C-alpha atoms as a PDB file:
ATOM      1  CA  MET A   1     227.061 257.936 -50.877  1.00  0.00           C
ATOM      2  CA  ASN A   2     226.705 257.517 -47.240  1.00  0.00           C
ATOM      3  CA  ILE A   3     227.460 254.385 -45.704  1.00  0.00           C
ATOM      4  CA  LYS A   4     224.104 252.724 -45.166  1.00  0.00           C
ATOM      5  CA  GLN A   5     223.821 253.539 -48.932  1.00  0.00           C
ATOM      6  CA  ALA A   6     226.574 251.326 -49.799  1.00  0.00           C
ATOM      7  CA  ALA A   7     226.119 248.586 -47.366  1.00  0.00           C
ATOM      8  CA  GLU A   8     222.533 248.195 -48.528  1.00  0.00           C
ATOM      9  CA  MET A   9     224.096 248.454 -52.069  1.00  0.00           C
ATOM     10  CA  PHE A  10     226.150 245.307 -51.945  1.00  0.00           C
ATOM     11  CA  ASP A  11     224.330 243.775 -49.223  1.00  0.00           C
ATOM     12  CA  LEU A  12     226.416 244.300 -45.970  1.00  0.00           C
ATOM     13  CA  SER A  13     225.897 245.543 -43.012  1.00  0.00           C
ATOM     14  CA  VAL A  14     227.516 248.822 -41.659  1.00  0.00           C
ATOM     15  CA  ASP A  15     229.869 247.122 -39.695  1.00  0.00           C
ATOM     16  CA  THR A  16     231.125 244.638 -42.376  1.00  0.00           C
ATOM     17  CA  LEU A  17     232.471 248.242 -44.360  1.00  0.00           C
ATOM     18  CA  ARG A  18     233.311 249.429 -41.346  1.00  0.00           C
ATOM     19  CA  TYR A  19     236.065 246.586 -40.668  1.00  0.00           C
ATOM     20  CA  TYR A  20     237.189 246.579 -44.166  1.00  0.00           C
ATOM     21  CA  GLU A  21     238.056 250.315 -44.139  1.00  0.00           C
ATOM     22  CA  ARG A  22     239.665 249.682 -40.116  1.00  0.00           C
ATOM     23  CA  VAL A  23     241.906 246.455 -41.251  1.00  0.00           C
ATOM     24  CA  GLY A  24     243.295 247.750 -44.630  1.00  0.00           C
ATOM     25  CA  VAL A  25     240.817 245.504 -47.148  1.00  0.00           C
ATOM     26  CA  ILE A  26     239.434 248.777 -48.416  1.00  0.00           C
ATOM     27  CA  PRO A  27     241.282 251.823 -48.633  1.00  0.00           C
ATOM     28  CA  PRO A  28     240.289 255.087 -45.925  1.00  0.00           C
ATOM     29  CA  VAL A  29     237.380 256.314 -48.106  1.00  0.00           C
ATOM     30  CA  HIS A  30     236.892 259.981 -47.626  1.00  0.00           C
ATOM     31  CA  ARG A  31     234.938 262.082 -45.418  1.00  0.00           C
ATOM     32  CA  ASN A  32     232.173 264.765 -46.030  1.00  0.00           C
ATOM     33  CA  GLU A  33     232.478 267.930 -43.817  1.00  0.00           C
ATOM     34  CA  SER A  34     230.228 266.194 -41.071  1.00  0.00           C
ATOM     35  CA  GLY A  35     233.077 263.411 -40.970  1.00  0.00           C
ATOM     36  CA  TYR A  36     230.784 261.201 -42.461  1.00  0.00           C
ATOM     37  CA  ARG A  37     231.725 258.291 -45.246  1.00  0.00           C
ATOM     38  CA  ASP A  38     231.232 260.049 -48.439  1.00  0.00           C
ATOM     39  CA  TYR A  39     231.722 256.819 -51.078  1.00  0.00           C
ATOM     40  CA  ALA A  40     232.572 257.657 -54.638  1.00  0.00           C
ATOM     41  CA  ILE A  41     232.453 255.176 -57.613  1.00  0.00           C
ATOM     42  CA  ASN A  42     236.117 253.927 -56.751  1.00  0.00           C
ATOM     43  CA  ASP A  43     235.403 253.442 -53.349  1.00  0.00           C
ATOM     44  CA  LEU A  44     232.175 251.284 -54.538  1.00  0.00           C
ATOM     45  CA  ASN A  45     234.689 249.394 -56.605  1.00  0.00           C
ATOM     46  CA  TRP A  46     237.096 248.305 -53.726  1.00  0.00           C
ATOM     47  CA  ILE A  47     233.592 247.296 -51.897  1.00  0.00           C
ATOM     48  CA  TYR A  48     232.796 245.636 -54.930  1.00  0.00           C
ATOM     49  CA  LEU A  49     235.711 243.942 -55.617  1.00  0.00           C
ATOM     50  CA  ALA A  50     236.390 242.889 -51.481  1.00  0.00           C
ATOM     51  CA  LYS A  51     232.644 241.255 -51.272  1.00  0.00           C
ATOM     52  CA  SER A  52     233.163 239.194 -54.543  1.00  0.00           C
ATOM     53  CA  LEU A  53     236.895 238.176 -53.732  1.00  0.00           C
ATOM     54  CA  ARG A  54     235.793 237.312 -50.274  1.00  0.00           C
ATOM     55  CA  ASN A  55     232.647 235.251 -51.106  1.00  0.00           C
ATOM     56  CA  ALA A  56     235.295 233.078 -53.656  1.00  0.00           C
ATOM     57  CA  GLY A  57     237.206 232.571 -50.659  1.00  0.00           C
ATOM     58  CA  ILE A  58     240.143 234.836 -50.604  1.00  0.00           C
ATOM     59  CA  SER A  59     241.485 235.700 -47.171  1.00  0.00           C
ATOM     60  CA  ILE A  60     241.264 239.408 -46.007  1.00  0.00           C
ATOM     61  CA  GLU A  61     245.104 239.305 -45.467  1.00  0.00           C
ATOM     62  CA  SER A  62     245.610 238.843 -49.385  1.00  0.00           C
ATOM     63  CA  LEU A  63     242.759 241.447 -49.624  1.00  0.00           C
ATOM     64  CA  ILE A  64     244.729 243.572 -47.170  1.00  0.00           C
ATOM     65  CA  GLU A  65     248.047 243.248 -49.114  1.00  0.00           C
ATOM     66  CA  PHE A  66     246.459 243.798 -52.519  1.00  0.00           C
ATOM     67  CA  ALA A  67     244.648 247.238 -50.905  1.00  0.00           C
ATOM     68  CA  GLN A  68     248.165 248.500 -49.072  1.00  0.00           C
ATOM     69  CA  LEU A  69     250.423 247.981 -52.273  1.00  0.00           C
ATOM     70  CA  ALA A  70     247.343 249.818 -54.009  1.00  0.00           C
ATOM     71  CA  GLN A  71     248.018 253.102 -52.160  1.00  0.00           C
ATOM     72  CA  LEU A  72     251.591 253.435 -52.850  1.00  0.00           C
ATOM     73  CA  ARG A  73     251.326 253.179 -56.806  1.00  0.00           C
ATOM     74  CA  GLU A  74     254.111 255.422 -58.119  1.00  0.00           C
ATOM     75  CA  SER A  75     256.339 252.001 -58.284  1.00  0.00           C
ATOM     76  CA  GLN A  76     256.280 249.252 -61.162  1.00  0.00           C
ATOM     77  CA  ASN A  77     257.021 246.979 -58.587  1.00  0.00           C
ATOM     78  CA  VAL A  78     253.688 247.333 -56.693  1.00  0.00           C
ATOM     79  CA  GLU A  79     251.810 247.058 -60.236  1.00  0.00           C
ATOM     80  CA  LYS A  80     253.474 244.039 -60.701  1.00  0.00           C
ATOM     81  CA  ALA A  81     253.070 242.843 -56.692  1.00  0.00           C
ATOM     82  CA  GLN A  82     249.024 243.933 -57.004  1.00  0.00           C
ATOM     83  CA  LYS A  83     248.900 241.705 -60.791  1.00  0.00           C
ATOM     84  CA  GLN A  84     251.582 238.588 -59.079  1.00  0.00           C
ATOM     85  CA  ILE A  85     248.207 238.727 -56.167  1.00  0.00           C
ATOM     86  CA  LEU A  86     245.310 239.054 -58.479  1.00  0.00           C
ATOM     87  CA  SER A  87     247.117 236.144 -60.664  1.00  0.00           C
ATOM     88  CA  ASP A  88     247.931 234.178 -57.188  1.00  0.00           C
ATOM     89  CA  GLN A  89     244.196 234.283 -56.210  1.00  0.00           C
ATOM     90  CA  LEU A  90     243.454 233.166 -58.802  1.00  0.00           C
ATOM     91  CA  GLU A  91     245.083 230.393 -59.812  1.00  0.00           C
ATOM     92  CA  GLU A  92     243.615 229.605 -55.731  1.00  0.00           C
ATOM     93  CA  LEU A  93     240.424 229.813 -57.241  1.00  0.00           C
ATOM     94  CA  ASP A  94     240.391 228.127 -60.232  1.00  0.00           C
ATOM     95  CA  LYS A  95     241.982 224.854 -58.092  1.00  0.00           C
ATOM     96  CA  LYS A  96     238.889 225.204 -55.739  1.00  0.00           C
ATOM     97  CA  LEU A  97     236.381 225.438 -58.618  1.00  0.00           C
ATOM     98  CA  ALA A  98     238.450 222.356 -60.098  1.00  0.00           C
ATOM     99  CA  ASP A  99     237.713 220.271 -56.699  1.00  0.00           C
ATOM    100  CA  MET A 100     234.412 221.743 -56.736  1.00  0.00           C
ATOM    101  CA  ARG A 101     233.892 219.910 -59.831  1.00  0.00           C
ATOM    102  CA  GLU A 102     235.313 217.031 -59.116  1.00  0.00           C
ATOM    103  CA  VAL A 103     232.624 216.577 -55.870  1.00  0.00           C
ATOM    104  CA  ARG A 104     229.596 217.971 -57.657  1.00  0.00           C
ATOM    105  CA  ASP A 105     230.620 214.766 -60.247  1.00  0.00           C
ATOM    106  CA  LEU A 106     230.834 212.635 -57.429  1.00  0.00           C
ATOM    107  CA  LEU A 107     227.211 213.913 -56.020  1.00  0.00           C
ATOM    108  CA  ILE A 108     225.676 213.442 -59.599  1.00  0.00           C
ATOM    109  CA  TYR A 109     226.861 209.745 -59.827  1.00  0.00           C
ATOM    110  CA  LYS A 110     225.454 209.015 -56.601  1.00  0.00           C
ATOM    111  CA  ILE A 111     221.956 210.498 -56.944  1.00  0.00           C
ATOM    112  CA  GLU A 112     221.959 208.961 -60.418  1.00  0.00           C
ATOM    113  CA  THR A 113     222.916 205.230 -59.143  1.00  0.00           C
ATOM    114  CA  TYR A 114     221.559 205.561 -55.126  1.00  0.00           C
ATOM    115  CA  ASP A 115     218.313 203.799 -55.897  1.00  0.00           C
ATOM    116  CA  ASP A 116     219.931 200.836 -57.704  1.00  0.00           C
ATOM    117  CA  HIS A 117     222.427 200.487 -55.449  1.00  0.00           C
ATOM    118  CA  ILE A 118     219.735 200.046 -52.239  1.00  0.00           C
ATOM    119  CA  VAL A 119     218.379 197.485 -54.458  1.00  0.00           C
ATOM    120  CA  LYS A 120     221.083 195.671 -54.669  1.00  0.00           C
ATOM    121  CA  PHE A 121     221.833 196.268 -50.948  1.00  0.00           C
ATOM    122  CA  LYS A 122     218.419 194.668 -50.054  1.00  0.00           C
ATOM    123  CA  THR A 123     218.582 191.888 -52.489  1.00  0.00           C
ATOM    124  CA  GLY A 124     221.802 190.917 -51.598  1.00  0.00           C
ATOM    125  CA  GLU A 125     223.884 191.265 -55.121  1.00  0.00           C
ATOM    126  CA  LEU A 126     225.671 193.812 -53.055  1.00  0.00           C
ATOM    127  CA  GLU A 127     227.902 192.975 -50.247  1.00  0.00           C
ATOM    128  CA  PRO A 128     229.843 196.202 -48.398  1.00  0.00           C
ATOM    129  CA  ASP A 129     232.911 194.751 -48.813  1.00  0.00           C
ATOM    130  CA  LYS A 130     232.677 194.148 -52.381  1.00  0.00           C
ATOM    131  CA  VAL A 131     231.277 197.157 -54.065  1.00  0.00           C
ATOM    132  CA  GLU A 132     233.151 200.095 -55.991  1.00  0.00           C
ATOM    133  CA  LYS A 133     236.149 201.892 -55.355  1.00  0.00           C
ATOM    134  CA  LEU A 134     234.451 205.668 -55.650  1.00  0.00           C
ATOM    135  CA  TRP A 135     237.963 207.071 -55.770  1.00  0.00           C
ATOM    136  CA  GLU A 136     238.986 204.998 -59.067  1.00  0.00           C
ATOM    137  CA  ARG A 137     235.389 205.341 -60.579  1.00  0.00           C
ATOM    138  CA  LYS A 138     235.386 206.294 -64.374  1.00  0.00           C
ATOM    139  CA  LYS A 139     234.598 210.000 -64.473  1.00  0.00           C
END
């Protein structure tokens, strides 16, 4: 598969794929006799992994480290290091998801109570210095 087809497959630009390869986010892609990139399934898996992890907020540096380790292959320490990178990234993602859930719950609460709060402010039932403390609200 050529670079244009790979880029279209994952909704990335050709420049992004070149960048990912240049900085080491994905391992070097095999080139055909004419010197053009010839993406195999393994290369496409790397692109999919990189795109998915980047969309989740994983750093380029972590992806580069993971890809560099993959090219060493011969050591059990490499496998442990790769697995640790993945575990660390999962832990970081879980924290982000928890934060996002908390913000989502807050938004739902604000939307559900918005009209009531506005009416209470307009009628004088609520004053700006006597409102609930959002950070102390029950979830």
